[in-house]
Amino acid sequence: MLVPPDLCGKLTWLSGAREVAESDPVATIDGHDVTLFEQWAVRRARPARARLRADEPLVTGQRVVDLFFPIAQGATAAVPGGFGTGKTMLLQQIVKWADVEVVVFVGCGERGNELADAVADLMALKDPKTGRDLRERTVVIANTSNMPVMARVASVYTGMTVSEYFRDMGYRVVMLADSTSRWAEALREFSSRSGELPAEEGYPASLSSSLAAFYERAARVTTLGGGEGSVTLIGAVSPAGGDMTEPVTSQTVRYVRCLWSLDRDLAYARHYPAVTWRHSFSLDDALIANWHAAQGRVGWNDSRARALALLAEADRLASVVELVGIGALPSRERVVMLSGRLLREGVLQQSALSENDAYCSPKKQSALLDMVLAVHERCLALVEGGLPASAIEEIDLTAVIRARDETGPDDDAGVTRLRDEVLARMGTS
């Protein structure tokens, strides 16, 4: 039970142990009765004593997120992607594995059967930390497309207010809004009915400020009670036809700290999570690098930067290979292509159905990345020593790809052992 933030004074009466209804008074403070529920205007942010710096990562257990595009506790992220790119699966993985105490899931404006299936799947999940039903720490706010327009408008605000309520209790909360595009469409429909002047693609001119005010409510704070809590907001965006330049997506990108853009080509190639490194970003990487350094992983940010540069160079060379074939590339570029494939298949891909790979601890994530980079450096050294690239491509490096499945979720030592074995074998090849 929380005391309403606008109420203070002396506690004069407290209920004993008994059965009560949610509307029954359980305490009296300064002559005012306090019940087990609290009324609050959902569009108004709940107050806090102070906003804290968002410098601790929200560990999701998903390598492509935690390694390359990390999000801090109390920060914001957007997940744009077209149909079939794996938004729901990625959100379910975050619900299951994120390092938080409370999950608030808002299904806004989706078709009834899809939302029912999503909620059923969510309710069937087990909490890996306790072994009990995940729904015991999950709040679901269901809103379907056949509900009134104002219900769709209010749904995301309701989810945020519930999240702030648990935040004020001192919990770490993650709120997932699926999807904010449907919420924006409800804003457009309501504004047209009220005679508001339309802007781009019929959306109201206030769309930008509405998105900004909504995402601004995510924060890590010192509560009025002196504790610490956070609300991390992740909003899915469903751009029509996969058009990332449409108003909702383009405006959302302005106000979030992280962008996890889902790519249709990666999804069709069975690369999951289909988060593309070409268009995604994180503005929290510098602060989170300091956190990793404090945990003993001093080279985390340097390894991350090297891996992103390697992926970018491999993508550039891929278009050349399509024209002239890989045999026409110099040896160094062929090594880059090989290392890019190892990085994609051995680090970025992650199976939600694998017992060993569904969740990956930060230590194992760093170990897998360091293994691929070490193999890359060894391959470059062999090329500089005169070994042809074709000989390097014939070396069996499948152990690098299998490491994510053959070691446990926290087994960074096992990954390091496999790395040493692979490097030793390459030295004698």
Protein backbone atom coordinates (compact mmCIF):
# COMPACT_ATOMS: atom_id res chain seq x y z
CA MET A 1 0.00 0.00 0.00
CA LEU A 2 1.25 3.47 -0.91
CA VAL A 3 0.28 6.67 0.81
CA PRO A 4 -1.03 9.09 -1.85
CA PRO A 5 1.77 11.53 -2.75
CA ASP A 6 -0.31 14.60 -1.86
CA LEU A 7 -1.06 13.30 1.65
CA CYS A 8 1.19 13.71 4.67
CA GLY A 9 0.72 13.91 8.41
CA LYS A 10 0.48 11.75 11.50
CA LEU A 11 -0.65 8.11 11.29
CA THR A 12 -3.51 7.90 13.78
CA TRP A 13 -5.02 4.51 12.96
CA LEU A 14 -3.88 1.33 11.21
CA SER A 15 -6.07 -1.66 10.48
CA GLY A 16 -5.32 -4.98 12.12
CA ALA A 17 -5.19 -8.36 10.39
CA ARG A 18 -8.56 -8.88 8.72
CA GLU A 19 -10.17 -9.33 5.34
CA VAL A 20 -10.88 -6.04 3.61
CA ALA A 21 -12.23 -4.89 0.27
CA GLU A 22 -10.13 -2.60 -1.89
CA SER A 23 -12.39 0.32 -0.99
CA ASP A 24 -12.25 -0.26 2.78
CA PRO A 25 -10.04 2.13 4.78
CA VAL A 26 -6.95 0.45 6.22
CA ALA A 27 -5.26 3.52 7.72
CA THR A 28 -5.99 7.09 8.75
CA ILE A 29 -3.43 9.84 8.17
CA ASP A 30 -4.14 13.38 9.32
CA GLY A 31 -7.86 12.62 9.39
CA HIS A 32 -7.91 11.15 5.85
CA ASP A 33 -8.75 7.51 5.17
CA VAL A 34 -6.30 5.50 3.05
CA THR A 35 -7.52 2.51 1.05
CA LEU A 36 -5.75 -0.26 -0.85
CA PHE A 37 -6.23 1.46 -4.19
CA GLU A 38 -5.52 4.94 -5.40
CA GLN A 39 -7.18 7.09 -8.03
CA TRP A 40 -4.85 8.93 -10.40
CA ALA A 41 -5.22 10.87 -13.64
CA VAL A 42 -3.33 8.64 -16.08
CA ARG A 43 -2.09 11.51 -18.25
CA ARG A 44 -0.35 13.10 -15.25
CA ALA A 45 3.07 11.75 -14.24
CA ARG A 46 3.39 10.57 -10.65
CA PRO A 47 5.85 12.68 -8.64
CA ALA A 48 9.25 11.54 -7.42
CA ARG A 49 11.85 13.11 -5.16
CA ALA A 50 14.58 13.21 -7.83
CA ARG A 51 15.45 11.77 -11.24
CA LEU A 52 18.67 9.76 -11.18
CA ARG A 53 21.24 9.24 -13.88
CA ALA A 54 20.47 6.19 -16.02
CA ASP A 55 23.90 4.54 -15.87
CA GLU A 56 23.11 0.91 -15.01
CA PRO A 57 22.18 -1.46 -17.85
CA LEU A 58 18.93 -3.34 -18.11
CA VAL A 59 20.28 -6.85 -18.70
CA THR A 60 17.93 -8.58 -21.13
CA GLY A 61 20.02 -11.70 -21.79
CA GLN A 62 19.82 -11.03 -25.55
CA ARG A 63 23.32 -10.59 -26.98
CA VAL A 64 22.51 -8.25 -29.85
CA VAL A 65 20.81 -5.91 -27.37
CA ASP A 66 23.14 -6.11 -24.37
CA LEU A 67 26.37 -6.11 -26.38
CA PHE A 68 25.72 -3.76 -29.27
CA PHE A 69 22.68 -1.61 -28.44
CA PRO A 70 22.33 -1.68 -24.64
CA ILE A 71 19.58 0.10 -22.75
CA ALA A 72 19.94 1.59 -19.28
CA GLN A 73 17.44 1.11 -16.48
CA GLY A 74 15.01 3.99 -16.70
CA ALA A 75 15.74 4.66 -20.38
CA THR A 76 13.61 4.24 -23.50
CA ALA A 77 13.79 2.09 -26.62
CA ALA A 78 11.78 1.69 -29.82
CA VAL A 79 11.42 -1.55 -31.77
CA PRO A 80 10.24 -0.77 -35.32
CA GLY A 81 9.64 -3.66 -37.68
CA GLY A 82 7.23 -4.92 -40.28
CA PHE A 83 5.05 -8.00 -40.16
CA GLY A 84 6.94 -11.24 -39.55
CA THR A 85 10.18 -9.66 -38.32
CA GLY A 86 9.88 -11.09 -34.81
CA LYS A 87 8.73 -8.16 -32.65
CA THR A 88 6.52 -10.33 -30.44
CA MET A 89 9.21 -12.96 -29.90
CA LEU A 90 11.80 -10.34 -28.97
CA LEU A 91 9.40 -8.68 -26.53
CA GLN A 92 8.55 -12.06 -24.97
CA GLN A 93 12.23 -12.79 -24.46
CA ILE A 94 12.68 -9.43 -22.74
CA VAL A 95 9.61 -10.09 -20.56
CA LYS A 96 11.04 -13.46 -19.55
CA TRP A 97 14.68 -12.61 -18.97
CA ALA A 98 14.96 -8.88 -18.21
CA ASP A 99 16.49 -8.09 -14.83
CA VAL A 100 13.37 -6.45 -13.35
CA GLU A 101 10.81 -7.26 -10.67
CA VAL A 102 7.63 -6.15 -12.48
CA VAL A 103 6.58 -6.32 -16.13
CA VAL A 104 3.73 -4.20 -17.54
CA PHE A 105 2.56 -5.29 -21.00
CA VAL A 106 0.18 -3.04 -22.93
CA GLY A 107 -1.48 -4.52 -26.01
CA CYS A 108 -2.82 -1.47 -27.80
CA GLY A 109 -5.10 -1.63 -30.81
CA GLU A 110 -4.15 -5.09 -32.06
CA ARG A 111 -6.68 -7.52 -33.50
CA GLY A 112 -8.52 -9.46 -30.82
CA ASN A 113 -7.35 -12.94 -31.84
CA GLU A 114 -3.70 -11.80 -32.11
CA LEU A 115 -3.82 -10.13 -28.71
CA ALA A 116 -5.50 -13.17 -27.18
CA ASP A 117 -2.74 -15.42 -28.56
CA ALA A 118 -0.03 -13.05 -27.34
CA VAL A 119 -1.53 -12.89 -23.84
CA ALA A 120 -1.98 -16.69 -23.77
CA ASP A 121 1.66 -17.18 -24.75
CA LEU A 122 2.72 -14.65 -22.14
CA MET A 123 0.69 -16.31 -19.42
CA ALA A 124 2.17 -19.72 -20.26
CA LEU A 125 5.74 -18.54 -19.63
CA LYS A 126 7.59 -19.63 -16.52
CA ASP A 127 9.71 -17.25 -14.50
CA PRO A 128 13.27 -18.62 -14.84
CA LYS A 129 14.27 -16.98 -11.57
CA THR A 130 11.59 -18.57 -9.41
CA GLY A 131 10.21 -21.42 -11.52
CA ARG A 132 6.68 -20.12 -10.92
CA ASP A 133 4.26 -18.54 -13.41
CA LEU A 134 5.59 -15.36 -14.93
CA ARG A 135 2.13 -13.79 -14.65
CA GLU A 136 2.65 -13.41 -10.89
CA ARG A 137 4.84 -10.38 -11.62
CA THR A 138 3.19 -9.30 -14.86
CA VAL A 139 0.42 -6.76 -15.44
CA VAL A 140 -1.40 -7.04 -18.78
CA ILE A 141 -3.50 -4.15 -20.11
CA ALA A 142 -5.43 -5.52 -23.08
CA ASN A 143 -6.92 -3.17 -25.62
CA THR A 144 -8.17 -4.43 -28.97
CA SER A 145 -8.94 -2.63 -32.21
CA ASN A 146 -12.72 -2.95 -31.77
CA MET A 147 -12.67 -1.02 -28.49
CA PRO A 148 -13.57 2.69 -28.39
CA VAL A 149 -11.00 5.15 -29.69
CA MET A 150 -10.53 6.79 -26.30
CA ALA A 151 -9.79 3.39 -24.75
CA ARG A 152 -6.91 2.98 -27.19
CA VAL A 153 -5.69 6.50 -26.39
CA ALA A 154 -5.84 5.86 -22.65
CA SER A 155 -4.27 2.37 -22.71
CA VAL A 156 -0.62 3.44 -22.93
CA TYR A 157 -1.13 6.14 -20.31
CA THR A 158 -2.76 3.57 -18.04
CA GLY A 159 0.21 1.24 -18.50
CA MET A 160 2.65 4.01 -17.66
CA THR A 161 0.70 5.02 -14.55
CA VAL A 162 0.62 1.42 -13.31
CA SER A 163 4.37 1.21 -13.98
CA GLU A 164 4.98 4.40 -11.99
CA TYR A 165 2.90 3.02 -9.12
CA PHE A 166 5.16 -0.03 -8.82
CA ARG A 167 8.20 2.21 -9.34
CA ASP A 168 7.11 4.25 -6.32
CA MET A 169 7.13 1.02 -4.30
CA GLY A 170 10.84 0.69 -5.07
CA TYR A 171 10.64 -1.88 -7.88
CA ARG A 172 12.44 -2.00 -11.21
CA VAL A 173 9.75 -2.07 -13.88
CA VAL A 174 9.85 -2.64 -17.63
CA MET A 175 6.87 -1.49 -19.66
CA LEU A 176 6.26 -2.91 -23.14
CA ALA A 177 3.84 -1.06 -25.40
CA ASP A 178 2.72 -3.05 -28.47
CA SER A 179 2.21 -1.04 -30.45
CA THR A 180 2.53 2.72 -30.26
CA SER A 181 1.56 2.94 -33.95
CA ARG A 182 -1.99 1.85 -33.06
CA TRP A 183 -2.04 4.41 -30.27
CA ALA A 184 -0.99 7.13 -32.72
CA GLU A 185 -3.72 6.01 -35.13
CA ALA A 186 -6.24 6.43 -32.31
CA LEU A 187 -4.91 9.95 -31.72
CA ARG A 188 -5.37 10.66 -35.44
CA GLU A 189 -8.93 9.34 -35.43
CA PHE A 190 -9.88 11.31 -32.33
CA SER A 191 -8.33 14.53 -33.64
CA SER A 192 -10.22 14.22 -36.94
CA ARG A 193 -13.51 13.74 -35.09
CA SER A 194 -12.84 16.78 -32.92
CA GLY A 195 -12.04 18.95 -35.93
CA GLU A 196 -8.35 19.41 -35.19
CA LEU A 197 -6.27 20.56 -38.14
CA PRO A 198 -4.41 17.51 -39.56
CA ALA A 199 -0.67 17.47 -40.21
CA GLU A 200 1.52 14.92 -42.01
CA GLU A 201 -0.47 11.85 -43.20
CA GLY A 202 -3.48 13.03 -41.21
CA TYR A 203 -1.84 12.73 -37.79
CA PRO A 204 -2.49 15.62 -35.40
CA ALA A 205 0.10 18.37 -35.15
CA SER A 206 0.47 17.43 -31.47
CA LEU A 207 1.75 13.92 -32.30
CA SER A 208 5.36 14.89 -31.68
CA SER A 209 4.67 16.49 -28.30
CA SER A 210 2.44 13.56 -27.27
CA LEU A 211 5.22 11.07 -28.02
CA ALA A 212 7.77 13.23 -26.21
CA ALA A 213 5.57 13.56 -23.10
CA PHE A 214 4.91 9.81 -23.05
CA TYR A 215 8.52 8.67 -23.38
CA GLU A 216 9.68 11.33 -20.93
CA ARG A 217 7.87 9.56 -18.09
CA ALA A 218 10.34 6.67 -18.17
CA ALA A 219 13.01 7.30 -15.53
CA ARG A 220 15.14 5.98 -12.73
CA VAL A 221 14.16 7.96 -9.63
CA THR A 222 14.46 8.42 -5.92
CA THR A 223 10.92 7.85 -4.67
CA LEU A 224 9.06 10.05 -2.22
CA GLY A 225 9.66 7.33 0.36
CA GLY A 226 13.43 7.57 -0.09
CA GLY A 227 13.89 4.33 -2.04
CA GLU A 228 14.97 3.82 -5.63
CA GLY A 229 12.86 2.56 -8.52
CA SER A 230 12.81 2.72 -12.30
CA VAL A 231 10.53 2.43 -15.30
CA THR A 232 12.18 1.31 -18.53
CA LEU A 233 9.94 1.88 -21.53
CA ILE A 234 10.13 -0.22 -24.71
CA GLY A 235 7.68 0.69 -27.44
CA ALA A 236 7.04 -1.45 -30.51
CA VAL A 237 6.34 0.44 -33.72
CA SER A 238 4.52 -1.10 -36.68
CA PRO A 239 5.23 1.09 -39.73
CA ALA A 240 2.85 0.43 -42.60
CA GLY A 241 4.64 -1.49 -45.33
CA GLY A 242 7.88 -1.34 -43.36
CA ASP A 243 8.30 2.37 -44.20
CA MET A 244 10.65 3.72 -41.55
CA THR A 245 10.14 7.31 -42.76
CA GLU A 246 6.46 7.47 -41.79
CA PRO A 247 5.59 10.02 -39.06
CA VAL A 248 5.23 7.75 -36.01
CA THR A 249 8.56 6.00 -36.56
CA SER A 250 10.50 9.12 -37.49
CA GLN A 251 9.11 11.09 -34.54
CA THR A 252 9.67 8.23 -32.10
CA VAL A 253 13.34 7.97 -33.05
CA ARG A 254 13.79 11.57 -31.89
CA TYR A 255 12.77 10.80 -28.31
CA VAL A 256 14.20 7.37 -27.49
CA ARG A 257 17.65 6.46 -26.22
CA CYS A 258 17.84 3.17 -28.14
CA LEU A 259 16.57 1.93 -31.48
CA TRP A 260 16.34 -1.81 -32.16
CA SER A 261 15.36 -1.83 -35.82
CA LEU A 262 14.12 -5.19 -37.12
CA ASP A 263 15.10 -6.16 -40.65
CA ARG A 264 12.84 -8.18 -42.94
CA ASP A 265 15.78 -9.68 -44.87
CA LEU A 266 17.38 -10.97 -41.68
CA ALA A 267 14.08 -12.46 -40.54
CA TYR A 268 13.52 -14.20 -43.88
CA ALA A 269 17.07 -15.58 -43.63
CA ARG A 270 16.09 -17.12 -40.26
CA HIS A 271 18.43 -14.80 -38.39
CA TYR A 272 16.80 -14.13 -35.01
CA PRO A 273 16.63 -11.75 -33.26
CA ALA A 274 16.41 -9.84 -36.54
CA VAL A 275 17.85 -6.63 -35.04
CA THR A 276 19.88 -4.99 -37.77
CA TRP A 277 23.23 -3.41 -36.92
CA ARG A 278 22.88 -1.08 -39.92
CA HIS A 279 20.10 1.15 -38.57
CA SER A 280 20.01 0.48 -34.80
CA PHE A 281 21.73 2.63 -32.19
CA SER A 282 22.17 3.19 -28.46
CA LEU A 283 22.89 6.53 -26.80
CA ASP A 284 23.58 4.87 -23.45
CA ASP A 285 26.67 2.94 -24.56
CA ALA A 286 29.22 5.29 -22.96
CA LEU A 287 27.57 5.20 -19.53
CA ILE A 288 27.09 1.44 -19.70
CA ALA A 289 30.73 1.02 -20.74
CA ASN A 290 31.69 2.65 -17.42
CA TRP A 291 29.47 0.13 -15.61
CA HIS A 292 31.16 -2.78 -17.41
CA ALA A 293 34.57 -1.34 -16.55
CA ALA A 294 33.55 -1.25 -12.89
CA GLN A 295 32.60 -4.94 -13.22
CA GLY A 296 36.09 -5.79 -14.50
CA ARG A 297 35.30 -5.81 -18.24
CA VAL A 298 37.55 -2.88 -19.12
CA GLY A 299 37.77 -3.68 -22.85
CA TRP A 300 34.00 -4.07 -23.36
CA ASN A 301 33.47 -0.85 -25.29
CA ASP A 302 36.58 -1.34 -27.43
CA SER A 303 35.51 -4.88 -28.38
CA ARG A 304 32.01 -3.63 -29.19
CA ALA A 305 33.37 -0.89 -31.46
CA ARG A 306 35.68 -3.33 -33.27
CA ALA A 307 32.83 -5.77 -33.83
CA LEU A 308 30.52 -3.08 -35.25
CA ALA A 309 33.29 -1.90 -37.58
CA LEU A 310 33.87 -5.49 -38.70
CA LEU A 311 30.17 -5.96 -39.46
CA ALA A 312 30.06 -2.70 -41.43
CA GLU A 313 33.08 -3.67 -43.51
CA ALA A 314 31.68 -7.16 -44.16
CA ASP A 315 28.40 -5.62 -45.36
CA ARG A 316 30.31 -3.31 -47.71
CA LEU A 317 32.27 -6.20 -49.16
CA ALA A 318 29.15 -8.36 -49.59
CA SER A 319 27.90 -6.14 -52.42
CA VAL A 320 31.28 -6.47 -54.14
CA VAL A 321 31.24 -10.26 -53.77
CA GLU A 322 27.85 -10.40 -55.51
CA LEU A 323 29.45 -8.78 -58.56
CA VAL A 324 32.92 -10.33 -58.83
CA GLY A 325 32.85 -13.35 -56.50
CA ILE A 326 34.80 -13.87 -53.30
CA GLY A 327 37.79 -15.29 -55.18
CA ALA A 328 38.54 -11.86 -56.61
CA LEU A 329 38.98 -10.27 -53.17
CA PRO A 330 42.38 -9.82 -51.52
CA SER A 331 43.18 -12.19 -48.66
CA ARG A 332 42.50 -9.62 -45.94
CA GLU A 333 39.01 -8.87 -47.27
CA ARG A 334 38.25 -12.59 -47.48
CA VAL A 335 39.20 -12.88 -43.80
CA VAL A 336 36.82 -9.98 -43.03
CA MET A 337 33.99 -11.83 -44.80
CA LEU A 338 34.77 -15.00 -42.82
CA SER A 339 34.92 -13.16 -39.50
CA GLY A 340 31.69 -11.30 -40.25
CA ARG A 341 29.92 -14.62 -40.76
CA LEU A 342 31.33 -15.97 -37.47
CA LEU A 343 30.18 -12.82 -35.70
CA ARG A 344 26.65 -13.05 -37.12
CA GLU A 345 26.18 -16.77 -36.53
CA GLY A 346 28.22 -17.20 -33.35
CA VAL A 347 27.26 -14.05 -31.45
CA LEU A 348 24.31 -12.16 -32.94
CA GLN A 349 22.02 -15.12 -33.60
CA GLN A 350 20.28 -16.49 -30.51
CA SER A 351 17.71 -19.25 -30.22
CA ALA A 352 14.74 -18.60 -27.92
CA LEU A 353 14.06 -22.37 -27.89
CA SER A 354 17.51 -23.47 -26.70
CA GLU A 355 17.98 -24.18 -23.01
CA ASN A 356 21.59 -22.97 -23.18
CA ASP A 357 21.08 -20.06 -25.54
CA ALA A 358 17.73 -18.46 -24.67
CA TYR A 359 19.50 -16.38 -22.02
CA CYS A 360 23.14 -15.26 -22.09
CA SER A 361 24.83 -13.60 -19.11
CA PRO A 362 26.99 -10.48 -19.64
CA LYS A 363 30.15 -12.48 -18.87
CA LYS A 364 29.36 -15.11 -21.51
CA GLN A 365 28.39 -12.40 -24.01
CA SER A 366 31.79 -10.76 -23.63
CA ALA A 367 33.55 -14.13 -23.85
CA LEU A 368 31.79 -15.05 -27.11
CA LEU A 369 32.62 -11.68 -28.65
CA ASP A 370 36.26 -11.89 -27.53
CA MET A 371 36.52 -15.38 -29.06
CA VAL A 372 35.38 -14.20 -32.51
CA LEU A 373 37.68 -11.17 -32.38
CA ALA A 374 40.63 -13.34 -31.30
CA VAL A 375 39.99 -15.74 -34.19
CA HIS A 376 39.80 -12.75 -36.55
CA GLU A 377 43.17 -11.42 -35.35
CA ARG A 378 44.75 -14.86 -35.69
CA CYS A 379 43.43 -15.18 -39.26
CA LEU A 380 44.88 -11.77 -40.15
CA ALA A 381 48.22 -12.80 -38.67
CA LEU A 382 48.24 -15.99 -40.73
CA VAL A 383 47.48 -14.03 -43.91
CA GLU A 384 50.28 -11.58 -43.19
CA GLY A 385 52.55 -14.58 -42.63
CA GLY A 386 51.93 -15.75 -46.18
CA LEU A 387 49.13 -18.30 -45.72
CA PRO A 388 46.57 -18.01 -48.54
CA ALA A 389 43.01 -17.08 -47.63
CA SER A 390 41.70 -20.25 -49.23
CA ALA A 391 43.66 -22.31 -46.69
CA ILE A 392 42.19 -20.32 -43.81
CA GLU A 393 38.67 -20.83 -45.16
CA GLU A 394 39.25 -24.60 -45.05
CA ILE A 395 40.02 -24.55 -41.30
CA ASP A 396 37.17 -26.03 -39.25
CA LEU A 397 35.84 -23.08 -37.23
CA THR A 398 32.41 -24.54 -36.44
CA ALA A 399 33.42 -24.72 -32.77
CA VAL A 400 33.21 -20.91 -32.72
CA ILE A 401 29.58 -21.05 -33.84
CA ARG A 402 28.68 -24.01 -31.59
CA ALA A 403 30.09 -22.35 -28.47
CA ARG A 404 26.85 -20.49 -27.76
CA ASP A 405 24.88 -23.76 -27.69
CA GLU A 406 27.48 -26.04 -26.10
CA THR A 407 28.12 -23.88 -23.03
CA GLY A 408 25.69 -22.90 -20.29
CA PRO A 409 24.09 -19.46 -19.99
CA ASP A 410 26.73 -18.36 -17.43
CA ASP A 411 29.66 -20.51 -18.62
CA ASP A 412 32.13 -17.86 -19.75
CA ALA A 413 34.99 -20.13 -18.63
CA GLY A 414 33.80 -22.80 -21.06
CA VAL A 415 33.80 -20.29 -23.90
CA THR A 416 37.33 -19.20 -23.00
CA ARG A 417 38.47 -22.82 -23.00
CA LEU A 418 36.98 -23.39 -26.46
CA ARG A 419 38.64 -20.20 -27.69
CA ASP A 420 42.05 -21.40 -26.55
CA GLU A 421 41.50 -24.78 -28.22
CA VAL A 422 40.52 -23.15 -31.53
CA LEU A 423 43.50 -20.78 -31.47
CA ALA A 424 45.86 -23.64 -30.64
CA ARG A 425 44.50 -25.69 -33.52
CA MET A 426 44.88 -22.75 -35.90
CA GLY A 427 48.50 -22.38 -34.82
CA THR A 428 49.29 -25.94 -35.85
CA SER A 429 47.27 -25.94 -39.10
